[in-house]
Amino acid sequence: MTAPTWLLAAGFVCAASAAHAQSVCHQYAQFVTELGRKYLEAPIAYGLTSTNQVIEVLASGSGSWTMIITSTDGTTCAVAAGESWSKVAGERPSAPDYIF
C-alpha cells in the first residue's frame, strides 16, 4: 500500500463499522514521518494506556489531525483522523471532582 493510500485509508478507519474496519498499521517512524511530510502534522499530545500502549495525537496548524496508537513492539496503527482540531482554552482543574 502506498503512503497516500494508507493515509487516505486512515481517514476512513473511524467511519467504518467496527466489524468492517481495517486497521492501517506501520512502524512508528514511518507514520510520523509521512504525516509530517504530507500534512505538516506533528505530535501534540500523548498518553499511556492501561495495556502499556502509547496513544498519541498529531495535528497541524491548519487543523488536520490523526490519532495513533503504538504497541510495545513498535507497531503503530491509525485510530482516527479528521479536521478542525483546536486546543481547549482555560486552566486545567487541580483535581477531578470524581474518583475512578
PDB file of N, CA and C in Angstrom:
ATOM      1  N   MET A   1       0.857  -1.169   0.000  1.00  0.00           N
ATOM      2  CA  MET A   1       0.000   0.000   0.000  1.00  0.00           C
ATOM      3  C   MET A   1       0.903   1.232   0.000  1.00  0.00           C
ATOM      4  N   THR A   2       0.629   2.152  -0.902  1.00  0.00           N
ATOM      5  CA  THR A   2       1.445   3.366  -0.984  1.00  0.00           C
ATOM      6  C   THR A   2       1.075   4.325   0.130  1.00  0.00           C
ATOM      7  N   ALA A   3       1.974   5.261   0.414  1.00  0.00           N
ATOM      8  CA  ALA A   3       1.748   6.207   1.514  1.00  0.00           C
ATOM      9  C   ALA A   3       0.437   6.975   1.351  1.00  0.00           C
ATOM     10  N   PRO A   4       0.143   7.569   0.158  1.00  0.00           N
ATOM     11  CA  PRO A   4      -1.130   8.293   0.044  1.00  0.00           C
ATOM     12  C   PRO A   4      -2.336   7.390   0.263  1.00  0.00           C
ATOM     13  N   THR A   5      -2.234   6.127  -0.160  1.00  0.00           N
ATOM     14  CA  THR A   5      -3.344   5.202   0.001  1.00  0.00           C
ATOM     15  C   THR A   5      -3.591   4.891   1.471  1.00  0.00           C
ATOM     16  N   TRP A   6      -2.515   4.609   2.232  1.00  0.00           N
ATOM     17  CA  TRP A   6      -2.735   4.281   3.643  1.00  0.00           C
ATOM     18  C   TRP A   6      -3.147   5.491   4.436  1.00  0.00           C
ATOM     19  N   LEU A   7      -2.713   6.685   4.037  1.00  0.00           N
ATOM     20  CA  LEU A   7      -3.166   7.888   4.740  1.00  0.00           C
ATOM     21  C   LEU A   7      -4.644   8.156   4.457  1.00  0.00           C
ATOM     22  N   LEU A   8      -5.052   7.929   3.224  1.00  0.00           N
ATOM     23  CA  LEU A   8      -6.466   8.072   2.894  1.00  0.00           C
ATOM     24  C   LEU A   8      -7.282   7.040   3.660  1.00  0.00           C
ATOM     25  N   ALA A   9      -6.776   5.811   3.712  1.00  0.00           N
ATOM     26  CA  ALA A   9      -7.472   4.764   4.454  1.00  0.00           C
ATOM     27  C   ALA A   9      -7.573   5.115   5.930  1.00  0.00           C
ATOM     28  N   ALA A  10      -6.553   5.763   6.467  1.00  0.00           N
ATOM     29  CA  ALA A  10      -6.579   6.146   7.885  1.00  0.00           C
ATOM     30  C   ALA A  10      -7.749   7.071   8.181  1.00  0.00           C
ATOM     31  N   GLY A  11      -8.088   7.918   7.241  1.00  0.00           N
ATOM     32  CA  GLY A  11      -9.208   8.824   7.418  1.00  0.00           C
ATOM     33  C   GLY A  11     -10.547   8.110   7.478  1.00  0.00           C
ATOM     34  N   PHE A  12     -10.605   6.926   6.894  1.00  0.00           N
ATOM     35  CA  PHE A  12     -11.857   6.180   6.876  1.00  0.00           C
ATOM     36  C   PHE A  12     -11.961   5.151   7.993  1.00  0.00           C
ATOM     37  N   VAL A  13     -10.892   4.937   8.741  1.00  0.00           N
ATOM     38  CA  VAL A  13     -10.900   3.918   9.788  1.00  0.00           C
ATOM     39  C   VAL A  13     -12.027   4.167  10.780  1.00  0.00           C
ATOM     40  N   CYS A  14     -12.152   5.414  11.257  1.00  0.00           N
ATOM     41  CA  CYS A  14     -13.171   5.678  12.270  1.00  0.00           C
ATOM     42  C   CYS A  14     -14.574   5.727  11.676  1.00  0.00           C
ATOM     43  N   ALA A  15     -14.715   5.878  10.363  1.00  0.00           N
ATOM     44  CA  ALA A  15     -16.029   5.943   9.745  1.00  0.00           C
ATOM     45  C   ALA A  15     -16.610   4.552   9.496  1.00  0.00           C
ATOM     46  N   ALA A  16     -15.755   3.551   9.402  1.00  0.00           N
ATOM     47  CA  ALA A  16     -16.228   2.194   9.138  1.00  0.00           C
ATOM     48  C   ALA A  16     -16.765   1.579  10.420  1.00  0.00           C
ATOM     49  N   SER A  17     -17.687   0.641  10.266  1.00  0.00           N
ATOM     50  CA  SER A  17     -18.188  -0.044  11.454  1.00  0.00           C
ATOM     51  C   SER A  17     -17.085  -0.909  12.036  1.00  0.00           C
ATOM     52  N   ALA A  18     -17.166  -1.218  13.320  1.00  0.00           N
ATOM     53  CA  ALA A  18     -16.131  -1.994  13.990  1.00  0.00           C
ATOM     54  C   ALA A  18     -15.925  -3.348  13.321  1.00  0.00           C
ATOM     55  N   ALA A  19     -16.985  -3.935  12.843  1.00  0.00           N
ATOM     56  CA  ALA A  19     -16.881  -5.260  12.229  1.00  0.00           C
ATOM     57  C   ALA A  19     -16.172  -5.206  10.881  1.00  0.00           C
ATOM     58  N   HIS A  20     -16.233  -4.073  10.208  1.00  0.00           N
ATOM     59  CA  HIS A  20     -15.675  -3.962   8.870  1.00  0.00           C
ATOM     60  C   HIS A  20     -14.431  -3.082   8.808  1.00  0.00           C
ATOM     61  N   ALA A  21     -14.042  -2.480   9.899  1.00  0.00           N
ATOM     62  CA  ALA A  21     -12.889  -1.578   9.888  1.00  0.00           C
ATOM     63  C   ALA A  21     -11.611  -2.360   9.637  1.00  0.00           C
ATOM     64  N   GLN A  22     -10.766  -1.817   8.791  1.00  0.00           N
ATOM     65  CA  GLN A  22      -9.481  -2.421   8.511  1.00  0.00           C
ATOM     66  C   GLN A  22      -8.413  -1.516   9.107  1.00  0.00           C
ATOM     67  N   SER A  23      -7.574  -2.060   9.952  1.00  0.00           N
ATOM     68  CA  SER A  23      -6.539  -1.265  10.599  1.00  0.00           C
ATOM     69  C   SER A  23      -5.470  -0.868   9.601  1.00  0.00           C
ATOM     70  N   VAL A  24      -4.978   0.352   9.750  1.00  0.00           N
ATOM     71  CA  VAL A  24      -3.859   0.845   8.964  1.00  0.00           C
ATOM     72  C   VAL A  24      -2.689   0.922   9.931  1.00  0.00           C
ATOM     73  N   CYS A  25      -1.705   0.042   9.756  1.00  0.00           N
ATOM     74  CA  CYS A  25      -0.597  -0.050  10.696  1.00  0.00           C
ATOM     75  C   CYS A  25       0.743  -0.019   9.972  1.00  0.00           C
ATOM     76  N   HIS A  26       1.711   0.635  10.591  1.00  0.00           N
ATOM     77  CA  HIS A  26       3.090   0.714  10.100  1.00  0.00           C
ATOM     78  C   HIS A  26       3.986   0.908  11.307  1.00  0.00           C
ATOM     79  N   GLN A  27       5.268   0.946  11.082  1.00  0.00           N
ATOM     80  CA  GLN A  27       6.200   1.274  12.151  1.00  0.00           C
ATOM     81  C   GLN A  27       6.054   2.751  12.499  1.00  0.00           C
ATOM     82  N   TYR A  28       6.277   3.088  13.761  1.00  0.00           N
ATOM     83  CA  TYR A  28       6.070   4.443  14.277  1.00  0.00           C
ATOM     84  C   TYR A  28       6.768   5.504  13.427  1.00  0.00           C
ATOM     85  N   ALA A  29       8.035   5.326  13.158  1.00  0.00           N
ATOM     86  CA  ALA A  29       8.803   6.341  12.420  1.00  0.00           C
ATOM     87  C   ALA A  29       8.193   6.616  11.048  1.00  0.00           C
ATOM     88  N   GLN A  30       7.713   5.580  10.378  1.00  0.00           N
ATOM     89  CA  GLN A  30       7.096   5.742   9.058  1.00  0.00           C
ATOM     90  C   GLN A  30       5.804   6.564   9.163  1.00  0.00           C
ATOM     91  N   PHE A  31       4.977   6.272  10.152  1.00  0.00           N
ATOM     92  CA  PHE A  31       3.726   7.007  10.347  1.00  0.00           C
ATOM     93  C   PHE A  31       4.011   8.495  10.584  1.00  0.00           C
ATOM     94  N   VAL A  32       4.853   8.782  11.575  1.00  0.00           N
ATOM     95  CA  VAL A  32       5.105  10.168  11.965  1.00  0.00           C
ATOM     96  C   VAL A  32       5.783  10.949  10.832  1.00  0.00           C
ATOM     97  N   THR A  33       6.737  10.327  10.169  1.00  0.00           N
ATOM     98  CA  THR A  33       7.431  10.988   9.056  1.00  0.00           C
ATOM     99  C   THR A  33       6.461  11.328   7.926  1.00  0.00           C
ATOM    100  N   GLU A  34       5.630  10.371   7.569  1.00  0.00           N
ATOM    101  CA  GLU A  34       4.698  10.589   6.451  1.00  0.00           C
ATOM    102  C   GLU A  34       3.629  11.622   6.798  1.00  0.00           C
ATOM    103  N   LEU A  35       3.100  11.576   8.012  1.00  0.00           N
ATOM    104  CA  LEU A  35       2.099  12.571   8.413  1.00  0.00           C
ATOM    105  C   LEU A  35       2.716  13.973   8.468  1.00  0.00           C
ATOM    106  N   GLY A  36       3.955  14.072   8.888  1.00  0.00           N
ATOM    107  CA  GLY A  36       4.643  15.359   8.917  1.00  0.00           C
ATOM    108  C   GLY A  36       4.915  15.885   7.524  1.00  0.00           C
ATOM    109  N   ARG A  37       5.387  15.021   6.652  1.00  0.00           N
ATOM    110  CA  ARG A  37       5.717  15.424   5.277  1.00  0.00           C
ATOM    111  C   ARG A  37       4.473  15.799   4.479  1.00  0.00           C
ATOM    112  N   LYS A  38       3.468  14.982   4.574  1.00  0.00           N
ATOM    113  CA  LYS A  38       2.279  15.147   3.732  1.00  0.00           C
ATOM    114  C   LYS A  38       1.279  16.163   4.286  1.00  0.00           C
ATOM    115  N   TYR A  39       1.099  16.184   5.621  1.00  0.00           N
ATOM    116  CA  TYR A  39       0.047  17.012   6.211  1.00  0.00           C
ATOM    117  C   TYR A  39       0.555  18.038   7.226  1.00  0.00           C
ATOM    118  N   LEU A  40       1.882  18.095   7.408  1.00  0.00           N
ATOM    119  CA  LEU A  40       2.502  19.001   8.377  1.00  0.00           C
ATOM    120  C   LEU A  40       2.009  18.752   9.799  1.00  0.00           C
ATOM    121  N   GLU A  41       1.626  17.504  10.072  1.00  0.00           N
ATOM    122  CA  GLU A  41       1.184  17.136  11.412  1.00  0.00           C
ATOM    123  C   GLU A  41       2.380  16.735  12.267  1.00  0.00           C
ATOM    124  N   ALA A  42       2.329  17.134  13.514  1.00  0.00           N
ATOM    125  CA  ALA A  42       3.378  16.808  14.475  1.00  0.00           C
ATOM    126  C   ALA A  42       2.720  16.390  15.784  1.00  0.00           C
ATOM    127  N   PRO A  43       3.408  15.588  16.583  1.00  0.00           N
ATOM    128  CA  PRO A  43       2.839  15.161  17.871  1.00  0.00           C
ATOM    129  C   PRO A  43       2.539  16.355  18.778  1.00  0.00           C
ATOM    130  N   ILE A  44       1.328  16.364  19.372  1.00  0.00           N
ATOM    131  CA  ILE A  44       0.956  17.440  20.296  1.00  0.00           C
ATOM    132  C   ILE A  44       0.494  16.915  21.649  1.00  0.00           C
ATOM    133  N   ALA A  45       0.143  15.626  21.721  1.00  0.00           N
ATOM    134  CA  ALA A  45      -0.315  15.050  22.991  1.00  0.00           C
ATOM    135  C   ALA A  45      -0.128  13.541  22.938  1.00  0.00           C
ATOM    136  N   TYR A  46       0.113  12.969  24.111  1.00  0.00           N
ATOM    137  CA  TYR A  46       0.228  11.515  24.177  1.00  0.00           C
ATOM    138  C   TYR A  46      -0.102  11.037  25.584  1.00  0.00           C
ATOM    139  N   GLY A  47      -0.384   9.754  25.688  1.00  0.00           N
ATOM    140  CA  GLY A  47      -0.666   9.151  26.985  1.00  0.00           C
ATOM    141  C   GLY A  47      -0.414   7.662  26.928  1.00  0.00           C
ATOM    142  N   LEU A  48      -0.280   7.067  28.093  1.00  0.00           N
ATOM    143  CA  LEU A  48      -0.032   5.638  28.216  1.00  0.00           C
ATOM    144  C   LEU A  48      -1.331   4.950  28.621  1.00  0.00           C
ATOM    145  N   THR A  49      -1.701   3.908  27.890  1.00  0.00           N
ATOM    146  CA  THR A  49      -2.932   3.179  28.205  1.00  0.00           C
ATOM    147  C   THR A  49      -2.664   2.139  29.289  1.00  0.00           C
ATOM    148  N   SER A  50      -3.725   1.556  29.802  1.00  0.00           N
ATOM    149  CA  SER A  50      -3.595   0.525  30.839  1.00  0.00           C
ATOM    150  C   SER A  50      -2.936  -0.741  30.305  1.00  0.00           C
ATOM    151  N   THR A  51      -2.862  -0.885  28.988  1.00  0.00           N
ATOM    152  CA  THR A  51      -2.208  -2.050  28.382  1.00  0.00           C
ATOM    153  C   THR A  51      -0.807  -1.707  27.872  1.00  0.00           C
ATOM    154  N   ASN A  52      -0.240  -0.612  28.372  1.00  0.00           N
ATOM    155  CA  ASN A  52       1.114  -0.163  28.031  1.00  0.00           C
ATOM    156  C   ASN A  52       1.287   0.200  26.559  1.00  0.00           C
ATOM    157  N   GLN A  53       0.227   0.649  25.920  1.00  0.00           N
ATOM    158  CA  GLN A  53       0.322   1.190  24.574  1.00  0.00           C
ATOM    159  C   GLN A  53       0.361   2.713  24.701  1.00  0.00           C
ATOM    160  N   VAL A  54       0.981   3.356  23.733  1.00  0.00           N
ATOM    161  CA  VAL A  54       1.031   4.815  23.724  1.00  0.00           C
ATOM    162  C   VAL A  54       0.015   5.310  22.707  1.00  0.00           C
ATOM    163  N   ILE A  55      -0.898   6.160  23.163  1.00  0.00           N
ATOM    164  CA  ILE A  55      -1.863   6.788  22.265  1.00  0.00           C
ATOM    165  C   ILE A  55      -1.412   8.223  22.064  1.00  0.00           C
ATOM    166  N   GLU A  56      -1.481   8.696  20.831  1.00  0.00           N
ATOM    167  CA  GLU A  56      -0.875   9.981  20.509  1.00  0.00           C
ATOM    168  C   GLU A  56      -1.744  10.731  19.495  1.00  0.00           C
ATOM    169  N   VAL A  57      -1.785  12.042  19.634  1.00  0.00           N
ATOM    170  CA  VAL A  57      -2.465  12.904  18.668  1.00  0.00           C
ATOM    171  C   VAL A  57      -1.408  13.726  17.953  1.00  0.00           C
ATOM    172  N   LEU A  58      -1.492  13.737  16.634  1.00  0.00           N
ATOM    173  CA  LEU A  58      -0.648  14.592  15.808  1.00  0.00           C
ATOM    174  C   LEU A  58      -1.579  15.589  15.140  1.00  0.00           C
ATOM    175  N   ALA A  59      -1.180  16.854  15.071  1.00  0.00           N
ATOM    176  CA  ALA A  59      -2.037  17.870  14.466  1.00  0.00           C
ATOM    177  C   ALA A  59      -1.188  18.876  13.704  1.00  0.00           C
ATOM    178  N   SER A  60      -1.827  19.554  12.783  1.00  0.00           N
ATOM    179  CA  SER A  60      -1.168  20.605  12.009  1.00  0.00           C
ATOM    180  C   SER A  60      -1.734  21.960  12.405  1.00  0.00           C
ATOM    181  N   GLY A  61      -1.061  23.006  12.013  1.00  0.00           N
ATOM    182  CA  GLY A  61      -1.534  24.363  12.269  1.00  0.00           C
ATOM    183  C   GLY A  61      -2.832  24.674  11.547  1.00  0.00           C
ATOM    184  N   SER A  62      -3.124  23.937  10.470  1.00  0.00           N
ATOM    185  CA  SER A  62      -4.354  24.183   9.712  1.00  0.00           C
ATOM    186  C   SER A  62      -5.539  23.393  10.262  1.00  0.00           C
ATOM    187  N   GLY A  63      -5.306  22.530  11.276  1.00  0.00           N
ATOM    188  CA  GLY A  63      -6.416  21.835  11.921  1.00  0.00           C
ATOM    189  C   GLY A  63      -6.568  20.369  11.596  1.00  0.00           C
ATOM    190  N   SER A  64      -5.787  19.827  10.644  1.00  0.00           N
ATOM    191  CA  SER A  64      -5.898  18.391  10.396  1.00  0.00           C
ATOM    192  C   SER A  64      -5.266  17.656  11.568  1.00  0.00           C
ATOM    193  N   TRP A  65      -5.774  16.456  11.871  1.00  0.00           N
ATOM    194  CA  TRP A  65      -5.251  15.691  12.994  1.00  0.00           C
ATOM    195  C   TRP A  65      -5.377  14.196  12.738  1.00  0.00           C
ATOM    196  N   THR A  66      -4.516  13.442  13.407  1.00  0.00           N
ATOM    197  CA  THR A  66      -4.540  11.989  13.339  1.00  0.00           C
ATOM    198  C   THR A  66      -4.257  11.454  14.731  1.00  0.00           C
ATOM    199  N   MET A  67      -5.006  10.448  15.161  1.00  0.00           N
ATOM    200  CA  MET A  67      -4.763   9.785  16.428  1.00  0.00           C
ATOM    201  C   MET A  67      -4.191   8.406  16.108  1.00  0.00           C
ATOM    202  N   ILE A  68      -3.067   8.084  16.743  1.00  0.00           N
ATOM    203  CA  ILE A  68      -2.416   6.802  16.519  1.00  0.00           C
ATOM    204  C   ILE A  68      -2.196   6.095  17.856  1.00  0.00           C
ATOM    205  N   ILE A  69      -2.031   4.784  17.787  1.00  0.00           N
ATOM    206  CA  ILE A  69      -1.713   4.006  18.980  1.00  0.00           C
ATOM    207  C   ILE A  69      -0.529   3.101  18.638  1.00  0.00           C
ATOM    208  N   THR A  70       0.451   3.074  19.534  1.00  0.00           N
ATOM    209  CA  THR A  70       1.664   2.298  19.307  1.00  0.00           C
ATOM    210  C   THR A  70       1.768   1.218  20.363  1.00  0.00           C
ATOM    211  N   SER A  71       1.927  -0.025  19.914  1.00  0.00           N
ATOM    212  CA  SER A  71       2.049  -1.145  20.851  1.00  0.00           C
ATOM    213  C   SER A  71       3.508  -1.324  21.257  1.00  0.00           C
ATOM    214  N   THR A  72       3.739  -2.196  22.206  1.00  0.00           N
ATOM    215  CA  THR A  72       5.081  -2.384  22.758  1.00  0.00           C
ATOM    216  C   THR A  72       6.081  -2.912  21.737  1.00  0.00           C
ATOM    217  N   ASP A  73       5.610  -3.520  20.650  1.00  0.00           N
ATOM    218  CA  ASP A  73       6.534  -3.999  19.618  1.00  0.00           C
ATOM    219  C   ASP A  73       6.878  -2.933  18.587  1.00  0.00           C
ATOM    220  N   GLY A  74       6.345  -1.718  18.757  1.00  0.00           N
ATOM    221  CA  GLY A  74       6.655  -0.613  17.852  1.00  0.00           C
ATOM    222  C   GLY A  74       5.689  -0.455  16.700  1.00  0.00           C
ATOM    223  N   THR A  75       4.701  -1.339  16.593  1.00  0.00           N
ATOM    224  CA  THR A  75       3.701  -1.221  15.540  1.00  0.00           C
ATOM    225  C   THR A  75       2.730  -0.090  15.893  1.00  0.00           C
ATOM    226  N   THR A  76       2.508   0.791  14.938  1.00  0.00           N
ATOM    227  CA  THR A  76       1.623   1.938  15.136  1.00  0.00           C
ATOM    228  C   THR A  76       0.444   1.826  14.192  1.00  0.00           C
ATOM    229  N   CYS A  77      -0.760   2.042  14.728  1.00  0.00           N
ATOM    230  CA  CYS A  77      -1.985   1.953  13.928  1.00  0.00           C
ATOM    231  C   CYS A  77      -2.790   3.240  14.054  1.00  0.00           C
ATOM    232  N   ALA A  78      -3.441   3.628  12.968  1.00  0.00           N
ATOM    233  CA  ALA A  78      -4.328   4.787  12.981  1.00  0.00           C
ATOM    234  C   ALA A  78      -5.592   4.433  13.749  1.00  0.00           C
ATOM    235  N   VAL A  79      -6.023   5.337  14.609  1.00  0.00           N
ATOM    236  CA  VAL A  79      -7.257   5.157  15.371  1.00  0.00           C
ATOM    237  C   VAL A  79      -8.349   6.020  14.755  1.00  0.00           C
ATOM    238  N   ALA A  80      -8.005   7.257  14.420  1.00  0.00           N
ATOM    239  CA  ALA A  80      -8.967   8.202  13.839  1.00  0.00           C
ATOM    240  C   ALA A  80      -8.194   9.338  13.191  1.00  0.00           C
ATOM    241  N   ALA A  81      -8.861  10.072  12.319  1.00  0.00           N
ATOM    242  CA  ALA A  81      -8.258  11.238  11.665  1.00  0.00           C
ATOM    243  C   ALA A  81      -9.376  12.203  11.303  1.00  0.00           C
ATOM    244  N   GLY A  82      -9.042  13.474  11.215  1.00  0.00           N
ATOM    245  CA  GLY A  82     -10.073  14.437  10.865  1.00  0.00           C
ATOM    246  C   GLY A  82      -9.542  15.838  10.683  1.00  0.00           C
ATOM    247  N   GLU A  83     -10.437  16.790  10.763  1.00  0.00           N
ATOM    248  CA  GLU A  83     -10.138  18.207  10.564  1.00  0.00           C
ATOM    249  C   GLU A  83     -10.628  19.007  11.762  1.00  0.00           C
ATOM    250  N   SER A  84     -10.267  20.260  11.795  1.00  0.00           N
ATOM    251  CA  SER A  84     -10.741  21.236  12.786  1.00  0.00           C
ATOM    252  C   SER A  84     -10.276  20.953  14.207  1.00  0.00           C
ATOM    253  N   TRP A  85      -9.055  20.454  14.365  1.00  0.00           N
ATOM    254  CA  TRP A  85      -8.502  20.263  15.704  1.00  0.00           C
ATOM    255  C   TRP A  85      -8.284  21.629  16.324  1.00  0.00           C
ATOM    256  N   SER A  86      -8.642  21.785  17.578  1.00  0.00           N
ATOM    257  CA  SER A  86      -8.368  23.034  18.284  1.00  0.00           C
ATOM    258  C   SER A  86      -8.032  22.737  19.723  1.00  0.00           C
ATOM    259  N   LYS A  87      -7.220  23.582  20.287  1.00  0.00           N
ATOM    260  CA  LYS A  87      -6.800  23.430  21.668  1.00  0.00           C
ATOM    261  C   LYS A  87      -7.853  24.063  22.565  1.00  0.00           C
ATOM    262  N   VAL A  88      -8.152  23.412  23.680  1.00  0.00           N
ATOM    263  CA  VAL A  88      -9.124  23.943  24.625  1.00  0.00           C
ATOM    264  C   VAL A  88      -8.449  25.026  25.458  1.00  0.00           C
ATOM    265  N   ALA A  89      -9.063  26.180  25.509  1.00  0.00           N
ATOM    266  CA  ALA A  89      -8.513  27.282  26.283  1.00  0.00           C
ATOM    267  C   ALA A  89      -8.947  27.167  27.735  1.00  0.00           C
ATOM    268  N   GLY A  90      -8.182  27.732  28.614  1.00  0.00           N
ATOM    269  CA  GLY A  90      -8.557  27.747  30.020  1.00  0.00           C
ATOM    270  C   GLY A  90      -7.618  26.933  30.872  1.00  0.00           C
ATOM    271  N   GLU A  91      -7.775  27.107  32.161  1.00  0.00           N
ATOM    272  CA  GLU A  91      -6.931  26.388  33.101  1.00  0.00           C
ATOM    273  C   GLU A  91      -7.489  25.008  33.378  1.00  0.00           C
ATOM    274  N   ARG A  92      -6.606  24.113  33.641  1.00  0.00           N
ATOM    275  CA  ARG A  92      -6.970  22.751  33.985  1.00  0.00           C
ATOM    276  C   ARG A  92      -7.244  22.694  35.491  1.00  0.00           C
ATOM    277  N   PRO A  93      -8.308  22.034  35.905  1.00  0.00           N
ATOM    278  CA  PRO A  93      -8.582  21.942  37.347  1.00  0.00           C
ATOM    279  C   PRO A  93      -7.458  21.200  38.065  1.00  0.00           C
ATOM    280  N   SER A  94      -7.236  21.550  39.326  1.00  0.00           N
ATOM    281  CA  SER A  94      -6.148  20.946  40.089  1.00  0.00           C
ATOM    282  C   SER A  94      -6.418  19.469  40.414  1.00  0.00           C
ATOM    283  N   ALA A  95      -7.665  19.114  40.637  1.00  0.00           N
ATOM    284  CA  ALA A  95      -8.030  17.735  40.925  1.00  0.00           C
ATOM    285  C   ALA A  95      -9.436  17.473  40.397  1.00  0.00           C
ATOM    286  N   PRO A  96      -9.681  16.272  39.883  1.00  0.00           N
ATOM    287  CA  PRO A  96     -11.023  15.971  39.384  1.00  0.00           C
ATOM    288  C   PRO A  96     -12.029  15.898  40.529  1.00  0.00           C
ATOM    289  N   ASP A  97     -13.298  16.123  40.211  1.00  0.00           N
ATOM    290  CA  ASP A  97     -14.369  16.039  41.197  1.00  0.00           C
ATOM    291  C   ASP A  97     -14.897  14.620  41.354  1.00  0.00           C
ATOM    292  N   TYR A  98     -14.242  13.670  40.723  1.00  0.00           N
ATOM    293  CA  TYR A  98     -14.699  12.290  40.768  1.00  0.00           C
ATOM    294  C   TYR A  98     -13.507  11.382  41.029  1.00  0.00           C
ATOM    295  N   ILE A  99     -13.789  10.164  41.425  1.00  0.00           N
ATOM    296  CA  ILE A  99     -12.741   9.173  41.682  1.00  0.00           C
ATOM    297  C   ILE A  99     -13.119   7.909  40.921  1.00  0.00           C
ATOM    298  N   PHE A 100     -12.158   7.344  40.220  1.00  0.00           N
ATOM    299  CA  PHE A 100     -12.403   6.102  39.481  1.00  0.00           C
ATOM    300  C   PHE A 100     -12.218   4.916  40.371  1.00  0.00           C
TER     301      PHE A 100
END
